[in-house]
Amino acid sequence: MHTPIPGIQAVAFDFGGVLADFIDPNEMRRLAEVAQVPCEPFNEAWSKHRNRFDSDEVDVAGYWSLVLDSCGSSVPRDTAIPLLQQIDTDGFSHMRGYVLQWVEELHISGMVTMMISNMSTTTYRTIVEGRDWTRHFDHLIISGQLGINKPDPKIFEHAVSVSGVPAANILFFDDMETNVLGAKAVGMRSLLVPSRIPAKPHSA
């Protein structure tokens, strides 16, 4: 299978929301239950500090301490943090097999394939590193390893550099509009996809 857009020589994919399902509301509720706070303040705190975690500015304990402090949780940190991290990691571990199948086909056809993800090094080592599906990617670009998060143009410039493909010949898929715009800012072609779609899309 080839891309439907002429001139594309490389295809890049976000992780959560594209290659894998984004953590769903039920799992977010489980996190809030562990923190023993309402969902709304927990979700706000989870999002507020996520970039610092994804760029490796703070480690696992530091991130969850910030989240718990911000949402007013008084649960014991030593017992809550490992459970929060486990639920969070599991929430991003539901891979989309049909997308991975397409990646494999693209890779076999000679297309340069990349993953560009906002992801801490800890999360990367837990749910990505060494997985069989990664062999179909030429480049795995992880924000935590670079200390740069999307939509910073520098992470996309890095992707262009390592791919050896001109930006205009790279197609990037992401579920966040800010990241799509960030890729476009460096000259990539990029498409916004929905974060939550059925595991097996229905045929039209």
N, C-alpha and C. Protein backbone atom coordinates (compact mmCIF):
# COMPACT_ATOMS: atom_id res chain seq x y z
N MET A 1 0.86 -1.19 0.00
CA MET A 1 0.00 0.00 0.00
C MET A 1 0.89 1.24 0.00
N HIS A 2 0.57 2.18 -0.87
CA HIS A 2 1.31 3.43 -0.92
C HIS A 2 0.44 4.57 -0.41
N THR A 3 1.07 5.69 -0.10
CA THR A 3 0.28 6.84 0.33
C THR A 3 -0.49 7.39 -0.85
N PRO A 4 -1.66 7.99 -0.61
CA PRO A 4 -2.48 8.49 -1.71
C PRO A 4 -2.02 9.83 -2.25
N ILE A 5 -0.96 10.41 -1.66
CA ILE A 5 -0.51 11.73 -2.08
C ILE A 5 0.80 11.61 -2.85
N PRO A 6 0.83 12.04 -4.09
CA PRO A 6 2.05 11.95 -4.89
C PRO A 6 3.20 12.74 -4.25
N GLY A 7 4.40 12.24 -4.40
CA GLY A 7 5.58 12.96 -3.93
C GLY A 7 5.99 12.62 -2.51
N ILE A 8 5.20 11.84 -1.80
CA ILE A 8 5.54 11.49 -0.42
C ILE A 8 6.62 10.41 -0.41
N GLN A 9 7.69 10.67 0.34
CA GLN A 9 8.80 9.72 0.46
C GLN A 9 8.96 9.20 1.88
N ALA A 10 8.31 9.86 2.83
CA ALA A 10 8.38 9.44 4.23
C ALA A 10 7.04 9.71 4.90
N VAL A 11 6.67 8.82 5.82
CA VAL A 11 5.43 8.99 6.57
C VAL A 11 5.76 8.91 8.05
N ALA A 12 5.27 9.88 8.81
CA ALA A 12 5.54 9.96 10.24
C ALA A 12 4.23 9.90 11.02
N PHE A 13 4.28 9.24 12.16
CA PHE A 13 3.08 9.00 12.96
C PHE A 13 3.31 9.43 14.40
N ASP A 14 2.31 10.08 14.97
CA ASP A 14 2.26 10.27 16.42
C ASP A 14 2.01 8.90 17.06
N PHE A 15 2.24 8.80 18.37
CA PHE A 15 1.97 7.55 19.07
C PHE A 15 0.54 7.54 19.63
N GLY A 16 0.34 8.15 20.81
CA GLY A 16 -0.98 8.13 21.43
C GLY A 16 -2.01 8.89 20.62
N GLY A 17 -3.05 8.20 20.19
CA GLY A 17 -4.08 8.82 19.37
C GLY A 17 -3.94 8.50 17.90
N VAL A 18 -2.81 7.87 17.52
CA VAL A 18 -2.60 7.50 16.12
C VAL A 18 -2.16 6.03 16.03
N LEU A 19 -0.94 5.73 16.48
CA LEU A 19 -0.48 4.35 16.47
C LEU A 19 -1.16 3.53 17.57
N ALA A 20 -1.49 4.19 18.64
CA ALA A 20 -2.18 3.55 19.77
C ALA A 20 -3.35 4.43 20.18
N ASP A 21 -4.31 3.84 20.87
CA ASP A 21 -5.42 4.64 21.38
C ASP A 21 -4.90 5.63 22.41
N PHE A 22 -5.52 6.80 22.45
CA PHE A 22 -5.25 7.76 23.52
C PHE A 22 -5.92 7.24 24.78
N ILE A 23 -5.34 7.51 25.93
CA ILE A 23 -5.92 7.05 27.19
C ILE A 23 -7.39 7.49 27.25
N ASP A 24 -8.28 6.57 27.62
CA ASP A 24 -9.71 6.87 27.50
C ASP A 24 -10.30 7.39 28.81
N PRO A 25 -11.53 7.91 28.76
CA PRO A 25 -12.14 8.51 29.95
C PRO A 25 -12.26 7.55 31.13
N ASN A 26 -12.50 6.27 30.86
CA ASN A 26 -12.60 5.31 31.96
C ASN A 26 -11.28 5.18 32.71
N GLU A 27 -10.19 5.17 31.97
CA GLU A 27 -8.88 5.08 32.61
C GLU A 27 -8.53 6.37 33.35
N MET A 28 -8.96 7.49 32.79
CA MET A 28 -8.76 8.76 33.50
C MET A 28 -9.56 8.79 34.80
N ARG A 29 -10.76 8.21 34.78
CA ARG A 29 -11.54 8.12 36.02
C ARG A 29 -10.85 7.24 37.05
N ARG A 30 -10.24 6.16 36.58
CA ARG A 30 -9.50 5.29 37.51
C ARG A 30 -8.34 6.05 38.16
N LEU A 31 -7.67 6.88 37.38
CA LEU A 31 -6.58 7.68 37.92
C LEU A 31 -7.10 8.64 38.99
N ALA A 32 -8.22 9.30 38.70
CA ALA A 32 -8.80 10.23 39.67
C ALA A 32 -9.24 9.50 40.94
N GLU A 33 -9.73 8.28 40.77
CA GLU A 33 -10.14 7.49 41.94
C GLU A 33 -8.94 7.16 42.82
N VAL A 34 -7.82 6.83 42.20
CA VAL A 34 -6.61 6.56 42.98
C VAL A 34 -6.18 7.81 43.75
N ALA A 35 -6.31 8.96 43.08
CA ALA A 35 -5.95 10.23 43.73
C ALA A 35 -7.00 10.68 44.73
N GLN A 36 -8.19 10.06 44.67
CA GLN A 36 -9.30 10.38 45.56
C GLN A 36 -9.73 11.84 45.44
N VAL A 37 -9.84 12.28 44.18
CA VAL A 37 -10.31 13.63 43.88
C VAL A 37 -11.28 13.54 42.70
N PRO A 38 -12.11 14.56 42.47
CA PRO A 38 -13.01 14.56 41.31
C PRO A 38 -12.22 14.55 40.00
N CYS A 39 -12.86 14.07 38.96
CA CYS A 39 -12.19 13.93 37.66
C CYS A 39 -11.71 15.26 37.09
N GLU A 40 -12.53 16.29 37.19
CA GLU A 40 -12.18 17.55 36.52
C GLU A 40 -10.87 18.15 37.02
N PRO A 41 -10.68 18.34 38.33
CA PRO A 41 -9.39 18.89 38.76
C PRO A 41 -8.22 17.94 38.49
N PHE A 42 -8.50 16.64 38.56
CA PHE A 42 -7.41 15.70 38.27
C PHE A 42 -6.99 15.81 36.81
N ASN A 43 -7.96 15.81 35.90
CA ASN A 43 -7.64 15.88 34.48
C ASN A 43 -6.89 17.17 34.14
N GLU A 44 -7.28 18.26 34.77
CA GLU A 44 -6.60 19.53 34.53
C GLU A 44 -5.14 19.45 34.98
N ALA A 45 -4.92 18.85 36.14
CA ALA A 45 -3.55 18.73 36.66
C ALA A 45 -2.73 17.77 35.80
N TRP A 46 -3.34 16.68 35.37
CA TRP A 46 -2.67 15.69 34.51
C TRP A 46 -2.17 16.36 33.24
N SER A 47 -3.01 17.19 32.63
CA SER A 47 -2.64 17.87 31.39
C SER A 47 -1.64 18.99 31.62
N LYS A 48 -1.84 19.73 32.70
CA LYS A 48 -1.01 20.91 32.98
C LYS A 48 0.47 20.58 33.05
N HIS A 49 0.81 19.46 33.65
CA HIS A 49 2.22 19.13 33.89
C HIS A 49 2.78 18.10 32.91
N ARG A 50 1.96 17.68 31.94
CA ARG A 50 2.38 16.58 31.07
C ARG A 50 3.60 16.91 30.23
N ASN A 51 3.68 18.13 29.72
CA ASN A 51 4.82 18.48 28.88
C ASN A 51 6.14 18.35 29.64
N ARG A 52 6.13 18.68 30.92
CA ARG A 52 7.36 18.57 31.71
C ARG A 52 7.79 17.11 31.85
N PHE A 53 6.81 16.23 31.95
CA PHE A 53 7.10 14.80 32.03
C PHE A 53 7.57 14.26 30.68
N ASP A 54 6.86 14.64 29.62
CA ASP A 54 7.19 14.12 28.29
C ASP A 54 8.55 14.59 27.79
N SER A 55 9.03 15.71 28.30
CA SER A 55 10.35 16.21 27.89
C SER A 55 11.46 15.75 28.84
N ASP A 56 11.10 14.91 29.81
CA ASP A 56 12.05 14.42 30.82
C ASP A 56 12.56 15.53 31.74
N GLU A 57 11.84 16.64 31.80
CA GLU A 57 12.22 17.69 32.75
C GLU A 57 12.01 17.20 34.18
N VAL A 58 10.95 16.40 34.38
CA VAL A 58 10.71 15.77 35.67
C VAL A 58 10.57 14.27 35.46
N ASP A 59 10.90 13.49 36.49
CA ASP A 59 10.79 12.04 36.38
C ASP A 59 9.39 11.59 36.80
N VAL A 60 9.20 10.28 36.88
CA VAL A 60 7.88 9.74 37.22
C VAL A 60 7.39 10.27 38.55
N ALA A 61 8.22 10.17 39.58
CA ALA A 61 7.80 10.63 40.91
C ALA A 61 7.53 12.13 40.91
N GLY A 62 8.36 12.88 40.19
CA GLY A 62 8.17 14.32 40.14
C GLY A 62 6.89 14.72 39.45
N TYR A 63 6.59 14.03 38.34
CA TYR A 63 5.37 14.34 37.59
C TYR A 63 4.12 14.08 38.43
N TRP A 64 4.04 12.87 38.98
CA TRP A 64 2.82 12.53 39.72
C TRP A 64 2.69 13.33 41.00
N SER A 65 3.80 13.72 41.60
CA SER A 65 3.74 14.60 42.76
C SER A 65 3.16 15.96 42.38
N LEU A 66 3.57 16.48 41.23
CA LEU A 66 3.01 17.74 40.74
C LEU A 66 1.51 17.61 40.48
N VAL A 67 1.12 16.50 39.85
CA VAL A 67 -0.30 16.28 39.56
C VAL A 67 -1.11 16.22 40.85
N LEU A 68 -0.65 15.41 41.79
CA LEU A 68 -1.39 15.23 43.05
C LEU A 68 -1.44 16.53 43.84
N ASP A 69 -0.35 17.26 43.87
CA ASP A 69 -0.35 18.55 44.58
C ASP A 69 -1.32 19.53 43.93
N SER A 70 -1.31 19.56 42.59
CA SER A 70 -2.13 20.53 41.86
C SER A 70 -3.63 20.27 42.01
N CYS A 71 -4.01 19.00 42.12
CA CYS A 71 -5.44 18.69 42.22
C CYS A 71 -5.90 18.57 43.67
N GLY A 72 -4.99 18.82 44.61
CA GLY A 72 -5.37 18.82 46.02
C GLY A 72 -5.50 17.45 46.64
N SER A 73 -4.84 16.46 46.06
CA SER A 73 -4.93 15.10 46.60
C SER A 73 -4.03 14.95 47.83
N SER A 74 -4.54 14.22 48.81
CA SER A 74 -3.77 13.98 50.03
C SER A 74 -3.38 12.51 50.19
N VAL A 75 -3.53 11.72 49.12
CA VAL A 75 -3.20 10.30 49.22
C VAL A 75 -1.70 10.12 49.44
N PRO A 76 -1.29 9.05 50.11
CA PRO A 76 0.14 8.80 50.31
C PRO A 76 0.86 8.62 48.97
N ARG A 77 1.89 9.39 48.76
CA ARG A 77 2.59 9.36 47.47
C ARG A 77 3.28 8.03 47.21
N ASP A 78 3.82 7.42 48.23
CA ASP A 78 4.62 6.21 48.01
C ASP A 78 3.79 5.05 47.50
N THR A 79 2.51 5.01 47.85
CA THR A 79 1.64 3.93 47.35
C THR A 79 0.87 4.34 46.10
N ALA A 80 0.52 5.62 46.00
CA ALA A 80 -0.31 6.06 44.87
C ALA A 80 0.48 6.19 43.58
N ILE A 81 1.70 6.70 43.64
CA ILE A 81 2.44 7.00 42.42
C ILE A 81 2.71 5.77 41.56
N PRO A 82 3.17 4.64 42.11
CA PRO A 82 3.36 3.46 41.24
C PRO A 82 2.07 3.01 40.55
N LEU A 83 0.95 3.09 41.27
CA LEU A 83 -0.33 2.68 40.68
C LEU A 83 -0.77 3.66 39.60
N LEU A 84 -0.60 4.95 39.85
CA LEU A 84 -0.94 5.95 38.84
C LEU A 84 -0.12 5.74 37.56
N GLN A 85 1.16 5.50 37.73
CA GLN A 85 2.01 5.30 36.56
C GLN A 85 1.62 4.06 35.79
N GLN A 86 1.25 3.00 36.50
CA GLN A 86 0.85 1.76 35.83
C GLN A 86 -0.44 1.95 35.03
N ILE A 87 -1.43 2.60 35.63
CA ILE A 87 -2.70 2.83 34.93
C ILE A 87 -2.48 3.73 33.72
N ASP A 88 -1.68 4.76 33.91
CA ASP A 88 -1.40 5.70 32.83
C ASP A 88 -0.69 4.99 31.67
N THR A 89 0.31 4.21 31.99
CA THR A 89 1.05 3.48 30.95
C THR A 89 0.15 2.49 30.23
N ASP A 90 -0.66 1.76 30.99
CA ASP A 90 -1.59 0.81 30.37
C ASP A 90 -2.56 1.52 29.44
N GLY A 91 -2.94 2.75 29.81
CA GLY A 91 -3.90 3.50 29.01
C GLY A 91 -3.40 3.87 27.63
N PHE A 92 -2.09 3.89 27.47
CA PHE A 92 -1.50 4.21 26.17
C PHE A 92 -0.94 2.97 25.47
N SER A 93 -1.31 1.80 25.95
CA SER A 93 -0.72 0.56 25.43
C SER A 93 -1.62 -0.21 24.47
N HIS A 94 -2.77 0.36 24.12
CA HIS A 94 -3.70 -0.32 23.23
C HIS A 94 -3.37 0.03 21.78
N MET A 95 -2.55 -0.80 21.16
CA MET A 95 -2.07 -0.50 19.81
C MET A 95 -3.17 -0.70 18.78
N ARG A 96 -3.11 0.10 17.72
CA ARG A 96 -4.06 -0.01 16.61
C ARG A 96 -3.43 -0.88 15.53
N GLY A 97 -3.85 -2.13 15.52
CA GLY A 97 -3.23 -3.10 14.62
C GLY A 97 -3.32 -2.72 13.16
N TYR A 98 -4.43 -2.13 12.75
CA TYR A 98 -4.59 -1.78 11.33
C TYR A 98 -3.63 -0.67 10.92
N VAL A 99 -3.30 0.23 11.87
CA VAL A 99 -2.32 1.28 11.55
C VAL A 99 -0.93 0.66 11.46
N LEU A 100 -0.60 -0.23 12.39
CA LEU A 100 0.70 -0.89 12.35
C LEU A 100 0.86 -1.73 11.09
N GLN A 101 -0.24 -2.31 10.62
CA GLN A 101 -0.19 -3.07 9.37
C GLN A 101 0.16 -2.15 8.21
N TRP A 102 -0.42 -0.96 8.21
CA TRP A 102 -0.11 0.00 7.15
C TRP A 102 1.35 0.44 7.23
N VAL A 103 1.83 0.67 8.45
CA VAL A 103 3.24 1.05 8.62
C VAL A 103 4.14 -0.04 8.04
N GLU A 104 3.82 -1.28 8.34
CA GLU A 104 4.62 -2.39 7.82
C GLU A 104 4.62 -2.39 6.29
N GLU A 105 3.46 -2.18 5.70
CA GLU A 105 3.37 -2.17 4.24
C GLU A 105 4.16 -1.01 3.64
N LEU A 106 4.07 0.14 4.29
CA LEU A 106 4.84 1.30 3.82
C LEU A 106 6.33 1.02 3.89
N HIS A 107 6.76 0.44 5.00
CA HIS A 107 8.17 0.16 5.21
C HIS A 107 8.68 -0.84 4.18
N ILE A 108 7.91 -1.88 3.93
CA ILE A 108 8.31 -2.89 2.96
C ILE A 108 8.40 -2.29 1.55
N SER A 109 7.53 -1.32 1.28
CA SER A 109 7.51 -0.70 -0.05
C SER A 109 8.69 0.24 -0.28
N GLY A 110 9.46 0.52 0.79
CA GLY A 110 10.61 1.40 0.66
C GLY A 110 10.40 2.80 1.20
N MET A 111 9.20 3.07 1.72
CA MET A 111 8.92 4.37 2.31
C MET A 111 9.69 4.52 3.63
N VAL A 112 10.23 5.70 3.88
CA VAL A 112 10.84 5.99 5.18
C VAL A 112 9.71 6.14 6.20
N THR A 113 9.80 5.44 7.31
CA THR A 113 8.75 5.49 8.33
C THR A 113 9.33 6.00 9.64
N MET A 114 8.55 6.86 10.31
CA MET A 114 9.00 7.48 11.56
C MET A 114 7.85 7.55 12.56
N MET A 115 8.21 7.54 13.83
CA MET A 115 7.29 7.89 14.89
C MET A 115 7.82 9.16 15.54
N ILE A 116 6.96 10.14 15.72
CA ILE A 116 7.34 11.39 16.40
C ILE A 116 6.37 11.56 17.55
N SER A 117 6.85 11.35 18.77
CA SER A 117 5.94 11.29 19.91
C SER A 117 6.41 12.13 21.08
N ASN A 118 5.44 12.80 21.73
CA ASN A 118 5.68 13.39 23.04
C ASN A 118 5.55 12.27 24.06
N MET A 119 6.69 11.82 24.57
CA MET A 119 6.71 10.64 25.44
C MET A 119 7.97 10.68 26.29
N SER A 120 7.82 10.45 27.57
CA SER A 120 8.99 10.40 28.45
C SER A 120 9.84 9.19 28.11
N THR A 121 11.11 9.27 28.45
CA THR A 121 11.99 8.14 28.23
C THR A 121 11.52 6.92 29.01
N THR A 122 11.01 7.14 30.22
CA THR A 122 10.49 6.03 31.02
C THR A 122 9.34 5.33 30.32
N THR A 123 8.40 6.10 29.80
CA THR A 123 7.26 5.51 29.10
C THR A 123 7.72 4.79 27.84
N TYR A 124 8.65 5.40 27.12
CA TYR A 124 9.19 4.77 25.92
C TYR A 124 9.78 3.39 26.23
N ARG A 125 10.56 3.32 27.29
CA ARG A 125 11.19 2.04 27.64
C ARG A 125 10.18 1.00 28.09
N THR A 126 9.04 1.47 28.61
CA THR A 126 8.03 0.55 29.12
C THR A 126 7.13 -0.01 28.02
N ILE A 127 6.71 0.83 27.08
CA ILE A 127 5.68 0.37 26.13
C ILE A 127 6.11 0.39 24.66
N VAL A 128 7.32 0.89 24.36
CA VAL A 128 7.76 0.96 22.96
C VAL A 128 9.05 0.18 22.71
N GLU A 129 10.07 0.47 23.48
CA GLU A 129 11.39 -0.09 23.22
C GLU A 129 11.36 -1.62 23.16
N GLY A 130 11.90 -2.16 22.07
CA GLY A 130 12.00 -3.61 21.93
C GLY A 130 10.75 -4.30 21.43
N ARG A 131 9.66 -3.56 21.24
CA ARG A 131 8.44 -4.19 20.73
C ARG A 131 8.64 -4.60 19.27
N ASP A 132 8.01 -5.70 18.88
CA ASP A 132 8.22 -6.23 17.53
C ASP A 132 7.83 -5.22 16.45
N TRP A 133 6.78 -4.45 16.69
CA TRP A 133 6.30 -3.53 15.65
C TRP A 133 7.29 -2.41 15.35
N THR A 134 8.22 -2.15 16.28
CA THR A 134 9.16 -1.05 16.05
C THR A 134 10.13 -1.33 14.91
N ARG A 135 10.28 -2.60 14.52
CA ARG A 135 11.22 -2.92 13.43
C ARG A 135 10.75 -2.37 12.09
N HIS A 136 9.50 -1.96 12.02
CA HIS A 136 8.98 -1.38 10.78
C HIS A 136 9.13 0.14 10.74
N PHE A 137 9.82 0.69 11.72
CA PHE A 137 10.10 2.12 11.75
C PHE A 137 11.59 2.36 11.54
N ASP A 138 11.89 3.29 10.64
CA ASP A 138 13.29 3.66 10.43
C ASP A 138 13.79 4.56 11.56
N HIS A 139 12.89 5.38 12.11
CA HIS A 139 13.30 6.34 13.14
C HIS A 139 12.20 6.47 14.19
N LEU A 140 12.58 6.38 15.46
CA LEU A 140 11.68 6.61 16.58
C LEU A 140 12.15 7.88 17.28
N ILE A 141 11.39 8.93 17.13
CA ILE A 141 11.78 10.25 17.65
C ILE A 141 10.95 10.54 18.89
N ILE A 142 11.62 10.56 20.04
CA ILE A 142 10.96 10.63 21.33
C ILE A 142 11.32 11.95 22.01
N SER A 143 10.31 12.69 22.43
CA SER A 143 10.55 14.01 23.02
C SER A 143 11.43 13.93 24.27
N GLY A 144 11.22 12.89 25.09
CA GLY A 144 12.01 12.77 26.30
C GLY A 144 13.49 12.62 26.04
N GLN A 145 13.84 11.95 24.95
CA GLN A 145 15.24 11.74 24.62
C GLN A 145 15.89 13.01 24.06
N LEU A 146 15.07 13.88 23.49
CA LEU A 146 15.57 15.12 22.91
C LEU A 146 15.41 16.32 23.83
N GLY A 147 14.49 16.20 24.80
CA GLY A 147 14.18 17.35 25.65
C GLY A 147 13.38 18.40 24.91
N ILE A 148 12.68 17.98 23.87
CA ILE A 148 11.88 18.90 23.04
C ILE A 148 10.53 18.26 22.77
N ASN A 149 9.46 18.98 23.06
CA ASN A 149 8.11 18.48 22.80
C ASN A 149 7.53 19.08 21.52
N LYS A 150 6.69 18.30 20.85
CA LYS A 150 5.82 18.90 19.85
C LYS A 150 4.92 19.90 20.57
N PRO A 151 4.57 21.03 19.97
CA PRO A 151 4.77 21.39 18.56
C PRO A 151 6.02 22.23 18.28
N ASP A 152 7.01 22.20 19.16
CA ASP A 152 8.24 22.95 18.92
C ASP A 152 8.81 22.56 17.55
N PRO A 153 9.06 23.52 16.68
CA PRO A 153 9.58 23.20 15.35
C PRO A 153 10.87 22.39 15.38
N LYS A 154 11.63 22.50 16.47
CA LYS A 154 12.92 21.81 16.52
C LYS A 154 12.78 20.29 16.45
N ILE A 155 11.70 19.75 17.01
CA ILE A 155 11.55 18.29 16.96
C ILE A 155 11.21 17.83 15.54
N PHE A 156 10.47 18.67 14.82
CA PHE A 156 10.16 18.33 13.42
C PHE A 156 11.38 18.55 12.53
N GLU A 157 12.16 19.57 12.82
CA GLU A 157 13.40 19.79 12.08
C GLU A 157 14.35 18.61 12.28
N HIS A 158 14.38 18.08 13.50
CA HIS A 158 15.20 16.90 13.78
C HIS A 158 14.71 15.71 12.95
N ALA A 159 13.39 15.55 12.86
CA ALA A 159 12.83 14.45 12.07
C ALA A 159 13.22 14.58 10.61
N VAL A 160 13.15 15.77 10.08
CA VAL A 160 13.54 16.00 8.68
C VAL A 160 15.01 15.64 8.50
N SER A 161 15.84 16.07 9.44
CA SER A 161 17.28 15.83 9.33
C SER A 161 17.62 14.34 9.34
N VAL A 162 17.05 13.59 10.29
CA VAL A 162 17.41 12.18 10.39
C VAL A 162 16.80 11.35 9.26
N SER A 163 15.68 11.82 8.72
CA SER A 163 15.03 11.05 7.65
C SER A 163 15.78 11.13 6.33
N GLY A 164 16.48 12.25 6.11
CA GLY A 164 17.13 12.46 4.84
C GLY A 164 16.17 12.79 3.72
N VAL A 165 14.94 13.14 4.09
CA VAL A 165 13.89 13.44 3.12
C VAL A 165 13.50 14.91 3.27
N PRO A 166 13.32 15.64 2.18
CA PRO A 166 12.87 17.03 2.29
C PRO A 166 11.54 17.12 3.03
N ALA A 167 11.37 18.18 3.81
CA ALA A 167 10.16 18.33 4.61
C ALA A 167 8.89 18.23 3.76
N ALA A 168 8.94 18.78 2.57
CA ALA A 168 7.76 18.80 1.70
C ALA A 168 7.35 17.41 1.23
N ASN A 169 8.25 16.44 1.41
CA ASN A 169 7.97 15.07 0.98
C ASN A 169 7.68 14.13 2.15
N ILE A 170 7.40 14.73 3.32
CA ILE A 170 7.06 13.96 4.51
C ILE A 170 5.59 14.21 4.86
N LEU A 171 4.86 13.14 5.11
CA LEU A 171 3.47 13.23 5.54
C LEU A 171 3.39 12.81 7.01
N PHE A 172 2.81 13.67 7.84
CA PHE A 172 2.76 13.44 9.28
C PHE A 172 1.31 13.37 9.76
N PHE A 173 1.02 12.37 10.59
CA PHE A 173 -0.31 12.19 11.18
C PHE A 173 -0.25 12.44 12.69
N ASP A 174 -1.16 13.28 13.18
CA ASP A 174 -1.24 13.54 14.62
C ASP A 174 -2.69 13.81 14.98
N ASP A 175 -3.01 13.61 16.26
CA ASP A 175 -4.39 13.83 16.71
C ASP A 175 -4.58 15.18 17.39
N MET A 176 -3.52 16.01 17.41
CA MET A 176 -3.63 17.34 18.01
C MET A 176 -3.33 18.40 16.96
N GLU A 177 -4.24 19.36 16.84
CA GLU A 177 -4.09 20.38 15.80
C GLU A 177 -2.82 21.19 15.97
N THR A 178 -2.43 21.48 17.23
CA THR A 178 -1.21 22.26 17.44
C THR A 178 0.01 21.54 16.87
N ASN A 179 0.04 20.22 16.97
CA ASN A 179 1.17 19.46 16.44
C ASN A 179 1.14 19.41 14.92
N VAL A 180 -0.06 19.29 14.36
CA VAL A 180 -0.20 19.33 12.91
C VAL A 180 0.31 20.66 12.36
N LEU A 181 -0.05 21.74 13.04
CA LEU A 181 0.40 23.07 12.61
C LEU A 181 1.91 23.22 12.80
N GLY A 182 2.45 22.62 13.87
CA GLY A 182 3.89 22.67 14.09
C GLY A 182 4.66 21.99 12.97
N ALA A 183 4.14 20.85 12.51
CA ALA A 183 4.78 20.15 11.40
C ALA A 183 4.68 20.96 10.11
N LYS A 184 3.52 21.55 9.89
CA LYS A 184 3.34 22.36 8.69
C LYS A 184 4.28 23.57 8.69
N ALA A 185 4.59 24.07 9.88
CA ALA A 185 5.44 25.26 9.98
C ALA A 185 6.85 25.01 9.47
N VAL A 186 7.30 23.74 9.49
CA VAL A 186 8.63 23.43 8.96
C VAL A 186 8.56 22.87 7.54
N GLY A 187 7.35 22.87 6.98
CA GLY A 187 7.20 22.47 5.59
C GLY A 187 6.67 21.07 5.35
N MET A 188 6.39 20.32 6.43
CA MET A 188 5.83 18.99 6.25
C MET A 188 4.38 19.07 5.80
N ARG A 189 3.92 18.04 5.15
CA ARG A 189 2.49 17.86 4.93
C ARG A 189 1.97 17.12 6.16
N SER A 190 0.86 17.54 6.69
CA SER A 190 0.37 16.90 7.92
C SER A 190 -1.14 16.85 7.94
N LEU A 191 -1.65 15.81 8.59
CA LEU A 191 -3.09 15.58 8.65
C LEU A 191 -3.52 15.33 10.09
N LEU A 192 -4.65 15.90 10.46
CA LEU A 192 -5.23 15.71 11.78
C LEU A 192 -6.14 14.48 11.75
N VAL A 193 -5.94 13.59 12.72
CA VAL A 193 -6.79 12.40 12.83
C VAL A 193 -7.46 12.39 14.20
N PRO A 194 -8.61 11.72 14.34
CA PRO A 194 -9.29 11.69 15.63
C PRO A 194 -8.54 10.83 16.64
N SER A 195 -8.54 11.27 17.91
CA SER A 195 -7.85 10.53 18.97
C SER A 195 -8.51 9.19 19.24
N ARG A 196 -9.85 9.19 19.19
CA ARG A 196 -10.58 7.98 19.57
C ARG A 196 -11.45 7.53 18.41
N ILE A 197 -11.08 6.40 17.84
CA ILE A 197 -11.84 5.81 16.75
C ILE A 197 -11.95 4.32 17.03
N PRO A 198 -12.90 3.62 16.40
CA PRO A 198 -13.05 2.19 16.67
C PRO A 198 -11.77 1.42 16.38
N ALA A 199 -11.55 0.36 17.14
CA ALA A 199 -10.35 -0.47 16.95
C ALA A 199 -10.28 -1.02 15.54
N LYS A 200 -11.46 -1.34 14.95
CA LYS A 200 -11.51 -1.81 13.57
C LYS A 200 -12.51 -0.94 12.82
N PRO A 201 -12.03 0.04 12.05
CA PRO A 201 -12.95 0.95 11.37
C PRO A 201 -13.92 0.19 10.47
N HIS A 202 -15.16 0.67 10.44
CA HIS A 202 -16.16 0.06 9.58
C HIS A 202 -15.89 0.43 8.13
N SER A 203 -16.15 -0.49 7.24
CA SER A 203 -16.00 -0.21 5.81
C SER A 203 -17.09 0.73 5.36
N ALA A 204 -16.75 1.62 4.46
CA ALA A 204 -17.73 2.58 3.96
C ALA A 204 -18.73 1.87 3.06
